Protein backbone atom coordinates (compact mmCIF):
# COMPACT_ATOMS: atom_id res chain seq x y z
CA UNK A 1 0.00 0.00 0.00
CA UNK A 2 1.42 3.34 -1.21
CA UNK A 3 1.98 6.06 1.27
CA UNK A 4 0.61 9.55 0.73
CA UNK A 5 4.00 10.84 -0.38
CA UNK A 6 4.39 8.01 -2.92
CA UNK A 7 0.94 8.76 -4.41
CA UNK A 8 1.86 12.42 -4.84
CA UNK A 9 5.10 11.42 -6.61
CA UNK A 10 3.32 8.97 -8.97
CA UNK A 11 0.63 11.51 -9.98
CA UNK A 12 3.31 14.15 -10.64
CA UNK A 13 5.20 11.72 -12.92
CA UNK A 14 2.07 10.92 -14.96
CA UNK A 15 1.31 14.63 -15.40
CA UNK A 16 4.86 15.33 -16.62
CA UNK A 17 4.64 12.48 -19.19
CA UNK A 18 1.31 13.82 -20.53
CA UNK A 19 2.68 17.39 -20.75
CA UNK A 20 5.81 16.37 -22.72
CA UNK A 21 4.09 14.00 -25.14
CA UNK A 22 5.51 14.40 -28.71
CA UNK A 23 3.22 15.31 -31.67
CA UNK A 24 2.36 12.56 -34.14
CA UNK A 25 4.79 11.66 -36.91
CA UNK A 26 3.93 12.66 -40.51
CA UNK A 27 4.43 10.26 -43.41
CA UNK A 28 7.75 11.98 -44.21
CA UNK A 29 9.02 11.43 -40.70
CA UNK A 30 8.58 15.07 -39.65
CA UNK A 31 6.72 15.98 -36.51
CA UNK A 32 3.79 18.26 -37.38
CA UNK A 33 1.15 19.78 -35.17
CA UNK A 34 -2.42 18.66 -35.90
CA UNK A 35 -3.45 21.92 -37.60
CA UNK A 36 -0.61 21.57 -40.22
CA UNK A 37 -1.64 18.11 -41.45
CA UNK A 38 -2.47 18.17 -45.25
CA UNK A 39 -1.29 21.77 -45.82
CA UNK A 40 1.41 20.70 -48.34
CA UNK A 41 -1.18 18.95 -50.52
CA UNK A 42 -3.31 22.11 -50.65
CA UNK A 43 -0.32 24.28 -51.61
CA UNK A 44 0.69 21.87 -54.37
CA UNK A 45 -2.85 21.84 -55.73
CA UNK A 46 -2.80 25.66 -55.95
CA UNK A 47 0.75 26.27 -57.20
CA UNK A 48 1.11 23.52 -59.83
CA UNK A 49 -1.66 24.79 -62.20
CA UNK A 50 -0.30 28.33 -61.95
CA UNK A 51 3.20 27.10 -62.78
CA UNK A 52 1.96 25.11 -65.78
CA UNK A 53 -0.08 28.10 -67.02
CA UNK A 54 2.98 30.38 -66.80
CA UNK A 55 5.20 27.80 -68.53
CA UNK A 56 2.82 27.26 -71.48
CA UNK A 57 2.33 31.03 -71.90
CA UNK A 58 6.09 31.56 -71.93
CA UNK A 59 6.57 28.81 -74.54
CA UNK A 60 3.87 30.40 -76.73
CA UNK A 61 5.55 33.80 -76.48
CA UNK A 62 8.91 32.25 -77.45
CA UNK A 63 7.25 30.56 -80.42
CA UNK A 64 5.87 33.93 -81.59
CA UNK A 65 9.33 35.49 -81.23
CA UNK A 66 10.88 32.65 -83.22
CA UNK A 67 8.35 33.10 -86.04
CA UNK A 68 8.98 36.85 -86.13
CA UNK A 69 12.75 36.33 -86.41
CA UNK A 70 12.29 33.72 -89.16
CA UNK A 71 9.94 36.00 -91.14
CA UNK A 72 12.40 38.91 -90.91
CA UNK A 73 15.19 36.65 -92.14
CA UNK A 74 13.11 35.52 -95.14
CA UNK A 75 12.18 39.13 -95.97
CA UNK A 76 15.86 40.10 -95.87
CA UNK A 77 16.92 37.21 -98.12
CA UNK A 78 14.16 37.85 -100.66
CA UNK A 79 14.85 41.60 -100.59
CA UNK A 80 18.49 40.99 -101.52
CA UNK A 81 17.49 38.76 -104.44
CA UNK A 82 14.96 41.25 -105.79
CA UNK A 83 17.48 44.09 -105.47
CA UNK A 84 19.98 42.11 -107.53
CA UNK A 85 17.38 41.11 -110.15
CA UNK A 86 16.23 44.67 -110.88
CA UNK A 87 16.56 43.94 -114.60
CA UNK A 88 14.07 41.04 -114.48
CA UNK A 89 10.44 42.21 -114.54
CA UNK A 90 9.22 38.97 -112.99
CA UNK A 91 11.00 39.74 -109.72
CA UNK A 92 9.41 43.20 -109.63
CA UNK A 93 5.89 41.77 -109.29
CA UNK A 94 4.41 41.96 -105.77
CA UNK A 95 2.45 38.71 -106.19
CA UNK A 96 5.57 36.81 -107.21
CA UNK A 97 7.53 38.20 -104.25
CA UNK A 98 4.75 37.19 -101.83
CA UNK A 99 4.68 33.69 -103.30
CA UNK A 100 8.45 33.28 -102.85
CA UNK A 101 8.30 34.51 -99.25
CA UNK A 102 5.58 32.00 -98.37
CA UNK A 103 7.56 29.18 -99.99
CA UNK A 104 10.68 30.07 -98.01
CA UNK A 105 8.79 30.33 -94.72
CA UNK A 106 7.68 26.69 -95.05
CA UNK A 107 6.20 26.51 -91.52
CA UNK A 108 6.07 23.16 -89.78
CA UNK A 109 2.57 23.10 -88.30
CA UNK A 110 0.50 26.01 -87.05
CA UNK A 111 1.99 29.51 -86.95
CA UNK A 112 1.05 32.18 -84.34
CA UNK A 113 -0.96 34.25 -86.85
CA UNK A 114 -4.72 34.64 -87.12
CA UNK A 115 -5.73 32.91 -90.33
CA UNK A 116 -2.43 31.01 -90.55
CA UNK A 117 -0.52 31.79 -93.80
CA UNK A 118 -3.57 33.45 -95.34
CA UNK A 119 -3.40 35.99 -92.49
CA UNK A 120 -0.14 37.44 -93.84
CA UNK A 121 -0.98 40.68 -95.67
CA UNK A 122 1.45 41.76 -98.42
CA UNK A 123 -0.60 44.74 -99.63
CA UNK A 124 2.01 47.15 -98.26
CA UNK A 125 4.74 45.72 -100.52
CA UNK A 126 5.82 48.16 -103.24
CA UNK A 127 8.10 47.14 -106.10
CA UNK A 128 6.89 49.67 -108.66
CA UNK A 129 9.95 51.88 -108.19
CA UNK A 130 12.91 50.13 -109.91
CA UNK A 131 15.34 51.90 -107.58
CA UNK A 132 13.68 50.81 -104.31
CA UNK A 133 12.77 47.35 -103.02
CA UNK A 134 10.13 47.62 -100.30
CA UNK A 135 8.82 44.36 -98.82
CA UNK A 136 6.11 44.81 -96.19
CA UNK A 137 4.13 42.17 -94.29
CA UNK A 138 1.32 42.86 -91.81
CA UNK A 139 -0.40 40.27 -89.64
CA UNK A 140 -2.40 39.87 -86.45
CA UNK A 141 -0.42 37.76 -84.02
CA UNK A 142 -1.80 35.39 -81.43
CA UNK A 143 -0.40 33.07 -78.79
CA UNK A 144 -0.97 29.40 -79.49
CA UNK A 145 -1.73 28.95 -75.78
CA UNK A 146 -4.15 31.70 -74.83
CA UNK A 147 -7.23 30.14 -73.16
CA UNK A 148 -8.72 33.53 -72.26
CA UNK A 149 -8.07 35.09 -75.71
CA UNK A 150 -6.31 38.07 -74.16
CA UNK A 151 -3.40 38.45 -76.61
CA UNK A 152 -4.17 39.81 -80.10
CA UNK A 153 -1.66 42.31 -81.50
CA UNK A 154 -1.07 43.78 -84.95
CA UNK A 155 2.48 43.38 -86.23
CA UNK A 156 4.26 44.90 -89.22
CA UNK A 157 7.64 43.69 -90.51
CA UNK A 158 9.45 45.11 -93.52
CA UNK A 159 12.76 45.56 -95.30
CA UNK A 160 13.84 48.44 -97.53
CA UNK A 161 16.68 48.12 -100.05
CA UNK A 162 18.15 50.34 -102.72
CA UNK A 163 18.24 48.26 -105.89
CA UNK A 164 21.66 47.27 -107.13
CA UNK A 165 21.48 49.10 -110.47
CA UNK A 166 25.11 50.23 -110.54
CA UNK A 167 24.34 53.91 -111.09
CA UNK A 168 25.26 56.41 -108.43
CA UNK A 169 23.01 59.07 -109.96
CA UNK A 170 19.94 56.84 -110.27
CA UNK A 171 18.30 55.22 -113.25
CA UNK A 172 16.95 58.49 -114.64
CA UNK A 173 20.21 60.37 -114.89
CA UNK A 174 19.63 62.56 -111.84
CA UNK A 175 22.56 64.85 -111.04
CA UNK A 176 23.79 67.08 -108.32
CA UNK A 177 24.10 70.83 -108.79
CA UNK A 178 26.96 71.65 -111.16
CA UNK A 179 27.42 68.07 -112.41
CA UNK A 180 26.89 66.94 -115.99
CA UNK A 181 23.93 64.75 -116.77
CA UNK A 182 24.48 61.09 -117.60
CA UNK A 183 22.82 59.25 -120.49
CA UNK A 184 22.68 55.57 -121.44
CA UNK A 185 23.85 53.85 -124.59
CA UNK A 186 24.02 50.28 -125.88
CA UNK A 187 26.78 48.64 -127.89
CA UNK A 188 27.04 50.06 -131.44
CA UNK A 189 23.98 52.21 -130.82
CA UNK A 190 23.14 55.30 -132.86
CA UNK A 191 21.04 56.94 -130.13
CA UNK A 192 21.39 57.79 -126.47
CA UNK A 193 18.74 57.43 -123.76
CA UNK A 194 18.03 59.72 -120.85
CA UNK A 195 16.15 57.04 -118.92
CA UNK A 196 17.43 53.59 -117.97
CA UNK A 197 13.80 52.49 -118.09
CA UNK A 198 13.35 53.32 -121.78
CA UNK A 199 11.60 50.42 -123.51
CA UNK A 200 14.30 50.39 -126.20
CA UNK A 201 16.88 49.18 -123.69
CA UNK A 202 14.71 47.64 -121.00
CA UNK A 203 12.78 45.04 -122.94
CA UNK A 204 9.64 43.34 -121.67
CA UNK A 205 10.28 39.74 -122.65
CA UNK A 206 7.92 36.79 -122.36
CA UNK A 207 8.01 33.15 -123.37
CA UNK A 208 5.57 31.94 -126.05
CA UNK A 209 4.92 28.86 -128.17
CA UNK A 210 5.16 28.45 -131.92
CA UNK A 211 1.40 28.52 -132.29
CA UNK A 212 1.27 31.79 -130.32
CA UNK A 213 3.82 33.48 -132.58
CA UNK A 214 1.60 32.97 -135.63
CA UNK A 215 -1.11 35.23 -134.22
CA UNK A 216 0.82 37.51 -131.89
CA UNK A 217 1.56 41.14 -132.73
CA UNK A 218 3.96 43.57 -131.10
CA UNK A 219 3.14 46.92 -129.50
CA UNK A 220 2.98 48.52 -132.97
CA UNK A 221 0.58 45.99 -134.46
CA UNK A 222 3.18 44.14 -136.53
CA UNK A 223 3.73 40.40 -136.64
CA UNK A 224 6.92 38.85 -135.30
CA UNK A 225 9.59 37.55 -137.71
CA UNK A 226 12.36 35.03 -137.13
CA UNK A 227 15.51 36.59 -135.62
CA UNK A 228 18.42 36.85 -138.07
CA UNK A 229 20.91 36.23 -135.25
CA UNK A 230 19.58 33.04 -133.62
CA UNK A 231 17.49 31.83 -136.62
CA UNK A 232 14.57 30.85 -134.41
CA UNK A 233 11.91 28.50 -135.78
CA UNK A 234 8.30 28.16 -134.76
CA UNK A 235 8.97 24.48 -134.03
CA UNK A 236 11.58 25.33 -131.36
CA UNK A 237 10.51 24.24 -127.84
CA UNK A 238 11.09 27.70 -126.34
CA UNK A 239 10.48 31.01 -128.05
CA UNK A 240 10.83 34.54 -126.64
CA UNK A 241 9.42 37.83 -127.83
CA UNK A 242 9.76 41.42 -126.66
CA UNK A 243 6.70 43.63 -126.46
CA UNK A 244 8.48 46.38 -128.41
CA UNK A 245 10.48 44.08 -130.67
CA UNK A 246 9.75 42.68 -134.11
CA UNK A 247 11.41 39.24 -133.93
CA UNK A 248 11.02 35.99 -132.02
CA UNK A 249 14.07 34.27 -130.53
CA UNK A 250 14.94 30.79 -129.30
CA UNK A 251 17.35 31.94 -126.56
CA UNK A 252 17.36 34.64 -123.92
CA UNK A 253 21.05 35.20 -124.59
CA UNK A 254 20.44 36.08 -128.23
CA UNK A 255 22.07 39.42 -129.12
CA UNK A 256 18.69 40.58 -130.42
CA UNK A 257 17.36 40.43 -126.84
CA UNK A 258 20.39 41.21 -124.71
CA UNK A 259 21.39 44.79 -124.03
CA UNK A 260 24.84 45.86 -122.85
CA UNK A 261 23.95 49.20 -121.32
CA UNK A 262 26.46 51.69 -119.95
CA UNK A 263 26.24 55.22 -118.64
CA UNK A 264 28.25 58.04 -120.20
CA UNK A 265 28.29 61.83 -119.91
CA UNK A 266 26.10 63.66 -122.36
CA UNK A 267 29.18 65.38 -123.75
CA UNK A 268 30.57 61.95 -124.68
CA UNK A 269 27.52 60.97 -126.76
CA UNK A 270 29.24 62.18 -129.91
CA UNK A 271 27.13 61.94 -133.07
CA UNK A 272 24.48 59.83 -131.39
CA UNK A 273 21.04 61.32 -131.65
CA UNK A 274 18.53 61.38 -128.79
CA UNK A 275 16.10 58.46 -128.45
CA UNK A 276 12.68 59.14 -129.96
CA UNK A 277 11.02 57.89 -126.73
CA UNK A 278 13.12 59.21 -123.87
CA UNK A 279 15.71 61.53 -125.43
CA UNK A 280 13.36 64.54 -125.41
């Protein structure tokens, strides 16, 4: 039988054990108070969707940036080609330039543009001026991951080149104050031209068939004859005519089509007479 002092000591020991009892172990082996149980699961459920949303939005923005850089590169490459081919009328057509740009883009899958490739607007492109190459593309960009449809922006990308025509004073013989005007002549020519764009030296050439030649007429209403230099025949697989010419040719390198044009000072024109079209 316990004495009164022993009972007091036993009750004090039990109270101390109850007071210093450790909190329950979590599954990770960490002691957590009861009110903290399950808090990590709630935080993960809230943070993970926000992280995924931010990640997908960032990837979409990077994809838009990559497309913009690629488009600018294609515009630059095509602009250089057109500037070099200033003598070829085909390269000075806006529709042809747009077609070449779309072919070079060659996107793999969907692009971040409303309407995909058809959403690229080339109406701002201007190739009418033979001295300037102006390629302009407008489009309405979008993010491929945009569940709330919040991002829609209008973009415009362009390049501007001076055509590589080889004339410091321009194609039309422009001059600075006090300088002599320049004119243009061809090999063994009897006339000089004030404009590099004169139809006598800048021929508009197109490819035709033998059956076409029989019924075609030039700009003056005359029928085309066989060239005395290349001796073209209507049975040849490829025939070429100039809008202002009077012969058909079987080669683009025929001397009847080619023009070796050079610029000289007007004082060096000698006995050459002015062109009836551009020589004033």
